Amino acid sequence: MTLLLVGLKSNVTGNDFSFTFINNSIIKISVSVVFVLLFCFTLYFFRDPDRNVPNVEKGIICPADGKICLITKVANDKYLGTDALQVSIFMSPLNVHVNRAPIEAKVTFKKHIKGAFHVAYVDKASELNEQTVVIFDDGKNKILMKQIAGAVARRIVNILELGNSVKAGDKVGMIKFGSRVDLLLPIDTKINVNLDDIVAAGETVIGFLP
């Protein structure tokens, strides 16, 4: 035992031992802090707050939290077969990512399309990025909704099946991390939002059907 202690004293000075101990403690604390922050962010990201869905005649309910990044006309959309108004919502990693149905309707079309992972707020993301396309048909009007993956988002979740009936504001899925949702609306829709508006899924009225 005496020889062991003498060996320790000869190879490790008090200052060296203290320095090593402090360094190890800093590493352990840093790793713990990073783990806790990641855990907290994951809980925050997957939050699913209750929403008060407005009962507005002919109202189109916002499908996603985020910012309006595009309002434009689309000529002869390949899925709807007609002209449409497009409203796009960019979802940052800090937004709630649960997506909701825009109207009370039946699901008459659903398709998942493989694609690229461009930054979600650029215009080309609407056509080139990986996405899930759903058409809601209320018997009079059809609304197309695209869940679009972004540069970080690589996982689109959509729980709908063909023939499902939904109410406005029902949960239909989510996109994990930064992403985008496009709505293609009847050309005569009265739009109720402006570019750069901050909107909330299940609460903001995007527009009014003709």
C-alpha atoms as a PDB file:
ATOM      1  CA  MET A   1       0.000   0.000   0.000  1.00  0.00           C
ATOM      2  CA  THR A   2       2.842   2.335   0.881  1.00  0.00           C
ATOM      3  CA  LEU A   3       4.552   1.552  -2.431  1.00  0.00           C
ATOM      4  CA  LEU A   4       1.335   2.292  -4.332  1.00  0.00           C
ATOM      5  CA  LEU A   5       0.946   5.690  -2.704  1.00  0.00           C
ATOM      6  CA  VAL A   6       4.579   6.535  -3.353  1.00  0.00           C
ATOM      7  CA  GLY A   7       4.078   5.592  -7.027  1.00  0.00           C
ATOM      8  CA  LEU A   8       1.049   7.846  -7.293  1.00  0.00           C
ATOM      9  CA  LYS A   9       2.909  10.738  -5.740  1.00  0.00           C
ATOM     10  CA  SER A  10       5.843  10.250  -8.074  1.00  0.00           C
ATOM     11  CA  ASN A  11       3.707  10.169 -11.261  1.00  0.00           C
ATOM     12  CA  VAL A  12       0.818  12.517 -10.497  1.00  0.00           C
ATOM     13  CA  THR A  13       1.260  15.799  -8.730  1.00  0.00           C
ATOM     14  CA  GLY A  14      -1.534  17.410  -6.765  1.00  0.00           C
ATOM     15  CA  ASN A  15      -2.031  20.043  -9.476  1.00  0.00           C
ATOM     16  CA  ASP A  16      -2.199  17.424 -12.245  1.00  0.00           C
ATOM     17  CA  PHE A  17      -4.774  15.414 -10.314  1.00  0.00           C
ATOM     18  CA  SER A  18      -6.939  18.486  -9.662  1.00  0.00           C
ATOM     19  CA  PHE A  19      -6.734  19.558 -13.304  1.00  0.00           C
ATOM     20  CA  THR A  20      -7.749  16.090 -14.540  1.00  0.00           C
ATOM     21  CA  PHE A  21     -10.601  15.877 -12.023  1.00  0.00           C
ATOM     22  CA  ILE A  22     -11.946  19.314 -13.039  1.00  0.00           C
ATOM     23  CA  ASN A  23     -11.702  18.479 -16.761  1.00  0.00           C
ATOM     24  CA  ASN A  24     -13.623  15.226 -16.284  1.00  0.00           C
ATOM     25  CA  SER A  25     -16.280  17.035 -14.265  1.00  0.00           C
ATOM     26  CA  ILE A  26     -16.697  19.683 -16.962  1.00  0.00           C
ATOM     27  CA  ILE A  27     -17.098  17.016 -19.660  1.00  0.00           C
ATOM     28  CA  LYS A  28     -19.709  15.119 -17.633  1.00  0.00           C
ATOM     29  CA  ILE A  29     -21.636  18.298 -16.829  1.00  0.00           C
ATOM     30  CA  SER A  30     -21.524  19.429 -20.481  1.00  0.00           C
ATOM     31  CA  VAL A  31     -22.812  16.080 -21.742  1.00  0.00           C
ATOM     32  CA  SER A  32     -25.585  16.112 -19.141  1.00  0.00           C
ATOM     33  CA  VAL A  33     -26.628  19.650 -20.093  1.00  0.00           C
ATOM     34  CA  VAL A  34     -26.729  18.770 -23.806  1.00  0.00           C
ATOM     35  CA  PHE A  35     -28.810  15.650 -23.070  1.00  0.00           C
ATOM     36  CA  VAL A  36     -31.290  17.612 -20.949  1.00  0.00           C
ATOM     37  CA  LEU A  37     -31.591  20.353 -23.592  1.00  0.00           C
ATOM     38  CA  LEU A  38     -32.235  17.797 -26.341  1.00  0.00           C
ATOM     39  CA  PHE A  39     -34.815  16.037 -24.191  1.00  0.00           C
ATOM     40  CA  CYS A  40     -36.582  19.330 -23.428  1.00  0.00           C
ATOM     41  CA  PHE A  41     -36.539  20.357 -27.103  1.00  0.00           C
ATOM     42  CA  THR A  42     -38.028  16.998 -28.125  1.00  0.00           C
ATOM     43  CA  LEU A  43     -40.862  17.425 -25.627  1.00  0.00           C
ATOM     44  CA  TYR A  44     -41.387  20.998 -26.839  1.00  0.00           C
ATOM     45  CA  PHE A  45     -41.349  20.005 -30.508  1.00  0.00           C
ATOM     46  CA  PHE A  46     -43.926  17.223 -30.109  1.00  0.00           C
ATOM     47  CA  ARG A  47     -46.322  19.342 -28.038  1.00  0.00           C
ATOM     48  CA  ASP A  48     -49.955  19.161 -29.094  1.00  0.00           C
ATOM     49  CA  PRO A  49     -51.979  21.979 -27.524  1.00  0.00           C
ATOM     50  CA  ASP A  50     -55.770  22.026 -27.662  1.00  0.00           C
ATOM     51  CA  ARG A  51     -57.267  24.336 -30.265  1.00  0.00           C
ATOM     52  CA  ASN A  52     -60.646  26.077 -30.366  1.00  0.00           C
ATOM     53  CA  VAL A  53     -61.822  25.445 -33.916  1.00  0.00           C
ATOM     54  CA  PRO A  54     -64.071  28.307 -35.090  1.00  0.00           C
ATOM     55  CA  ASN A  55     -67.460  27.368 -36.524  1.00  0.00           C
ATOM     56  CA  VAL A  56     -67.557  29.748 -39.486  1.00  0.00           C
ATOM     57  CA  GLU A  57     -69.856  29.205 -42.458  1.00  0.00           C
ATOM     58  CA  LYS A  58     -67.761  28.289 -45.534  1.00  0.00           C
ATOM     59  CA  GLY A  59     -64.626  28.966 -43.501  1.00  0.00           C
ATOM     60  CA  ILE A  60     -61.363  27.214 -44.401  1.00  0.00           C
ATOM     61  CA  ILE A  61     -59.429  26.358 -41.242  1.00  0.00           C
ATOM     62  CA  CYS A  62     -55.661  26.729 -41.184  1.00  0.00           C
ATOM     63  CA  PRO A  63     -53.916  23.321 -41.405  1.00  0.00           C
ATOM     64  CA  ALA A  64     -50.592  24.334 -39.826  1.00  0.00           C
ATOM     65  CA  ASP A  65     -48.887  26.715 -37.408  1.00  0.00           C
ATOM     66  CA  GLY A  66     -46.374  29.076 -38.993  1.00  0.00           C
ATOM     67  CA  LYS A  67     -46.040  32.014 -41.357  1.00  0.00           C
ATOM     68  CA  ILE A  68     -47.793  32.627 -44.681  1.00  0.00           C
ATOM     69  CA  CYS A  69     -44.919  32.458 -47.179  1.00  0.00           C
ATOM     70  CA  LEU A  70     -46.814  32.431 -50.489  1.00  0.00           C
ATOM     71  CA  ILE A  71     -50.195  33.409 -51.911  1.00  0.00           C
ATOM     72  CA  THR A  72     -50.497  32.841 -55.655  1.00  0.00           C
ATOM     73  CA  LYS A  73     -52.602  31.491 -58.508  1.00  0.00           C
ATOM     74  CA  VAL A  74     -51.918  28.041 -59.957  1.00  0.00           C
ATOM     75  CA  ALA A  75     -52.904  27.255 -63.529  1.00  0.00           C
ATOM     76  CA  ASN A  76     -54.501  23.867 -64.190  1.00  0.00           C
ATOM     77  CA  ASP A  77     -53.159  21.998 -61.167  1.00  0.00           C
ATOM     78  CA  LYS A  78     -52.271  18.413 -62.150  1.00  0.00           C
ATOM     79  CA  TYR A  79     -54.191  16.866 -59.232  1.00  0.00           C
ATOM     80  CA  LEU A  80     -57.294  19.070 -59.207  1.00  0.00           C
ATOM     81  CA  GLY A  81     -57.426  19.464 -62.987  1.00  0.00           C
ATOM     82  CA  THR A  82     -58.358  23.127 -62.690  1.00  0.00           C
ATOM     83  CA  ASP A  83     -57.021  26.558 -61.725  1.00  0.00           C
ATOM     84  CA  ALA A  84     -56.589  27.185 -58.012  1.00  0.00           C
ATOM     85  CA  LEU A  85     -55.406  29.650 -55.390  1.00  0.00           C
ATOM     86  CA  GLN A  86     -52.367  28.480 -53.434  1.00  0.00           C
ATOM     87  CA  VAL A  87     -51.690  29.501 -49.839  1.00  0.00           C
ATOM     88  CA  SER A  88     -48.422  28.204 -48.366  1.00  0.00           C
ATOM     89  CA  ILE A  89     -47.452  28.065 -44.690  1.00  0.00           C
ATOM     90  CA  PHE A  90     -43.834  27.739 -43.570  1.00  0.00           C
ATOM     91  CA  MET A  91     -43.355  25.869 -40.284  1.00  0.00           C
ATOM     92  CA  SER A  92     -40.127  26.522 -38.394  1.00  0.00           C
ATOM     93  CA  PRO A  93     -38.704  23.949 -35.922  1.00  0.00           C
ATOM     94  CA  LEU A  94     -40.209  26.056 -33.115  1.00  0.00           C
ATOM     95  CA  ASN A  95     -43.799  25.796 -34.376  1.00  0.00           C
ATOM     96  CA  VAL A  96     -46.341  23.183 -33.339  1.00  0.00           C
ATOM     97  CA  HIS A  97     -46.123  20.599 -36.125  1.00  0.00           C
ATOM     98  CA  VAL A  98     -49.505  18.865 -35.804  1.00  0.00           C
ATOM     99  CA  ASN A  99     -51.479  19.312 -39.053  1.00  0.00           C
ATOM    100  CA  ARG A 100     -55.256  19.644 -39.233  1.00  0.00           C
ATOM    101  CA  ALA A 101     -58.030  19.256 -41.801  1.00  0.00           C
ATOM    102  CA  PRO A 102     -59.109  22.524 -43.468  1.00  0.00           C
ATOM    103  CA  ILE A 103     -62.796  21.673 -43.948  1.00  0.00           C
ATOM    104  CA  GLU A 104     -65.425  19.071 -43.173  1.00  0.00           C
ATOM    105  CA  ALA A 105     -65.120  16.671 -46.081  1.00  0.00           C
ATOM    106  CA  LYS A 106     -64.216  13.220 -47.367  1.00  0.00           C
ATOM    107  CA  VAL A 107     -60.721  12.157 -48.425  1.00  0.00           C
ATOM    108  CA  THR A 108     -60.955  11.307 -52.132  1.00  0.00           C
ATOM    109  CA  PHE A 109     -57.251  11.248 -53.031  1.00  0.00           C
ATOM    110  CA  LYS A 110     -53.984  10.540 -51.220  1.00  0.00           C
ATOM    111  CA  LYS A 111     -50.475  10.096 -52.599  1.00  0.00           C
ATOM    112  CA  HIS A 112     -46.966  10.145 -51.123  1.00  0.00           C
ATOM    113  CA  ILE A 113     -44.336  11.457 -53.530  1.00  0.00           C
ATOM    114  CA  LYS A 114     -40.597  10.946 -53.119  1.00  0.00           C
ATOM    115  CA  GLY A 115     -38.475  14.005 -53.814  1.00  0.00           C
ATOM    116  CA  ALA A 116     -35.746  16.433 -52.783  1.00  0.00           C
ATOM    117  CA  PHE A 117     -35.259  18.256 -49.471  1.00  0.00           C
ATOM    118  CA  HIS A 118     -34.866  21.903 -50.418  1.00  0.00           C
ATOM    119  CA  VAL A 119     -35.420  24.579 -47.758  1.00  0.00           C
ATOM    120  CA  ALA A 120     -39.193  24.520 -47.303  1.00  0.00           C
ATOM    121  CA  TYR A 121     -39.924  28.238 -47.748  1.00  0.00           C
ATOM    122  CA  VAL A 122     -38.551  28.466 -51.326  1.00  0.00           C
ATOM    123  CA  ASP A 123     -41.107  28.213 -54.130  1.00  0.00           C
ATOM    124  CA  LYS A 124     -39.563  25.155 -55.813  1.00  0.00           C
ATOM    125  CA  ALA A 125     -40.113  23.092 -52.641  1.00  0.00           C
ATOM    126  CA  SER A 126     -43.815  22.893 -53.513  1.00  0.00           C
ATOM    127  CA  GLU A 127     -43.067  20.829 -56.624  1.00  0.00           C
ATOM    128  CA  LEU A 128     -39.675  19.216 -56.003  1.00  0.00           C
ATOM    129  CA  ASN A 129     -39.628  18.243 -52.311  1.00  0.00           C
ATOM    130  CA  GLU A 130     -40.865  14.985 -50.827  1.00  0.00           C
ATOM    131  CA  GLN A 131     -44.539  15.395 -49.959  1.00  0.00           C
ATOM    132  CA  THR A 132     -47.893  13.826 -49.201  1.00  0.00           C
ATOM    133  CA  VAL A 133     -50.854  15.112 -51.213  1.00  0.00           C
ATOM    134  CA  VAL A 134     -54.451  14.817 -49.973  1.00  0.00           C
ATOM    135  CA  ILE A 135     -57.674  16.060 -51.557  1.00  0.00           C
ATOM    136  CA  PHE A 136     -60.664  16.917 -49.347  1.00  0.00           C
ATOM    137  CA  ASP A 137     -64.050  16.918 -51.132  1.00  0.00           C
ATOM    138  CA  ASP A 138     -67.175  18.286 -49.439  1.00  0.00           C
ATOM    139  CA  GLY A 139     -69.414  17.529 -52.427  1.00  0.00           C
ATOM    140  CA  LYS A 140     -69.241  21.097 -53.748  1.00  0.00           C
ATOM    141  CA  ASN A 141     -65.619  22.095 -53.407  1.00  0.00           C
ATOM    142  CA  LYS A 142     -62.268  20.346 -53.447  1.00  0.00           C
ATOM    143  CA  ILE A 143     -59.266  21.457 -51.396  1.00  0.00           C
ATOM    144  CA  LEU A 144     -55.829  19.992 -51.959  1.00  0.00           C
ATOM    145  CA  MET A 145     -53.369  19.900 -49.066  1.00  0.00           C
ATOM    146  CA  LYS A 146     -49.649  19.161 -49.417  1.00  0.00           C
ATOM    147  CA  GLN A 147     -47.468  18.223 -46.459  1.00  0.00           C
ATOM    148  CA  ILE A 148     -43.998  19.093 -47.711  1.00  0.00           C
ATOM    149  CA  ALA A 149     -40.698  17.973 -46.205  1.00  0.00           C
ATOM    150  CA  GLY A 150     -37.945  20.578 -45.764  1.00  0.00           C
ATOM    151  CA  ALA A 151     -34.156  20.648 -45.549  1.00  0.00           C
ATOM    152  CA  VAL A 152     -34.251  19.213 -42.015  1.00  0.00           C
ATOM    153  CA  ALA A 153     -37.626  17.457 -42.016  1.00  0.00           C
ATOM    154  CA  ARG A 154     -37.373  13.955 -43.475  1.00  0.00           C
ATOM    155  CA  ARG A 155     -40.470  12.371 -41.988  1.00  0.00           C
ATOM    156  CA  ILE A 156     -44.070  13.095 -43.023  1.00  0.00           C
ATOM    157  CA  VAL A 157     -46.833  11.466 -40.993  1.00  0.00           C
ATOM    158  CA  ASN A 158     -50.379  11.319 -42.378  1.00  0.00           C
ATOM    159  CA  ILE A 159     -53.022   9.161 -40.704  1.00  0.00           C
ATOM    160  CA  LEU A 160     -55.731   9.593 -43.346  1.00  0.00           C
ATOM    161  CA  GLU A 161     -57.006   6.861 -45.653  1.00  0.00           C
ATOM    162  CA  LEU A 162     -59.129   7.082 -48.787  1.00  0.00           C
ATOM    163  CA  GLY A 163     -62.789   7.431 -47.896  1.00  0.00           C
ATOM    164  CA  ASN A 164     -62.153   8.867 -44.415  1.00  0.00           C
ATOM    165  CA  SER A 165     -64.518  11.635 -43.340  1.00  0.00           C
ATOM    166  CA  VAL A 166     -63.048  14.501 -41.319  1.00  0.00           C
ATOM    167  CA  LYS A 167     -64.309  17.612 -39.615  1.00  0.00           C
ATOM    168  CA  ALA A 168     -62.616  20.978 -39.928  1.00  0.00           C
ATOM    169  CA  GLY A 169     -59.745  21.111 -37.451  1.00  0.00           C
ATOM    170  CA  ASP A 170     -59.367  17.336 -37.028  1.00  0.00           C
ATOM    171  CA  LYS A 171     -55.779  16.157 -36.630  1.00  0.00           C
ATOM    172  CA  VAL A 172     -54.502  14.508 -39.805  1.00  0.00           C
ATOM    173  CA  GLY A 173     -50.765  14.110 -39.149  1.00  0.00           C
ATOM    174  CA  MET A 174     -47.534  16.047 -38.718  1.00  0.00           C
ATOM    175  CA  ILE A 175     -44.194  16.843 -40.355  1.00  0.00           C
ATOM    176  CA  LYS A 176     -41.166  16.416 -38.119  1.00  0.00           C
ATOM    177  CA  PHE A 177     -38.993  19.561 -37.839  1.00  0.00           C
ATOM    178  CA  GLY A 178     -38.958  22.545 -40.237  1.00  0.00           C
ATOM    179  CA  SER A 179     -41.383  22.073 -43.121  1.00  0.00           C
ATOM    180  CA  ARG A 180     -44.270  23.497 -45.138  1.00  0.00           C
ATOM    181  CA  VAL A 181     -47.955  22.982 -45.874  1.00  0.00           C
ATOM    182  CA  ASP A 182     -49.621  24.138 -49.108  1.00  0.00           C
ATOM    183  CA  LEU A 183     -53.352  24.562 -49.613  1.00  0.00           C
ATOM    184  CA  LEU A 184     -54.789  24.717 -53.131  1.00  0.00           C
ATOM    185  CA  LEU A 185     -58.217  26.296 -52.941  1.00  0.00           C
ATOM    186  CA  PRO A 186     -61.052  26.954 -55.419  1.00  0.00           C
ATOM    187  CA  ILE A 187     -60.129  29.915 -57.616  1.00  0.00           C
ATOM    188  CA  ASP A 188     -63.055  31.983 -56.304  1.00  0.00           C
ATOM    189  CA  THR A 189     -62.057  31.541 -52.643  1.00  0.00           C
ATOM    190  CA  LYS A 190     -61.993  34.764 -50.620  1.00  0.00           C
ATOM    191  CA  ILE A 191     -58.560  34.767 -48.960  1.00  0.00           C
ATOM    192  CA  ASN A 192     -58.575  35.959 -45.339  1.00  0.00           C
ATOM    193  CA  VAL A 193     -54.803  36.157 -44.704  1.00  0.00           C
ATOM    194  CA  ASN A 194     -51.865  38.164 -46.012  1.00  0.00           C
ATOM    195  CA  LEU A 195     -48.247  37.381 -46.804  1.00  0.00           C
ATOM    196  CA  ASP A 196     -46.096  37.050 -43.623  1.00  0.00           C
ATOM    197  CA  ASP A 197     -49.134  36.635 -41.342  1.00  0.00           C
ATOM    198  CA  ILE A 198     -48.564  34.315 -38.373  1.00  0.00           C
ATOM    199  CA  VAL A 199     -51.263  31.633 -38.354  1.00  0.00           C
ATOM    200  CA  ALA A 200     -52.370  28.824 -36.046  1.00  0.00           C
ATOM    201  CA  ALA A 201     -53.592  25.368 -37.033  1.00  0.00           C
ATOM    202  CA  GLY A 202     -57.205  24.748 -36.098  1.00  0.00           C
ATOM    203  CA  GLU A 203     -57.853  28.394 -35.241  1.00  0.00           C
ATOM    204  CA  THR A 204     -56.983  30.822 -38.049  1.00  0.00           C
ATOM    205  CA  VAL A 205     -59.530  31.116 -40.868  1.00  0.00           C
ATOM    206  CA  ILE A 206     -57.494  31.024 -44.084  1.00  0.00           C
ATOM    207  CA  GLY A 207     -60.382  32.017 -46.322  1.00  0.00           C
ATOM    208  CA  PHE A 208     -64.001  31.451 -47.317  1.00  0.00           C
ATOM    209  CA  LEU A 209     -65.268  29.008 -49.921  1.00  0.00           C
ATOM    210  CA  PRO A 210     -67.330  30.453 -52.817  1.00  0.00           C
END
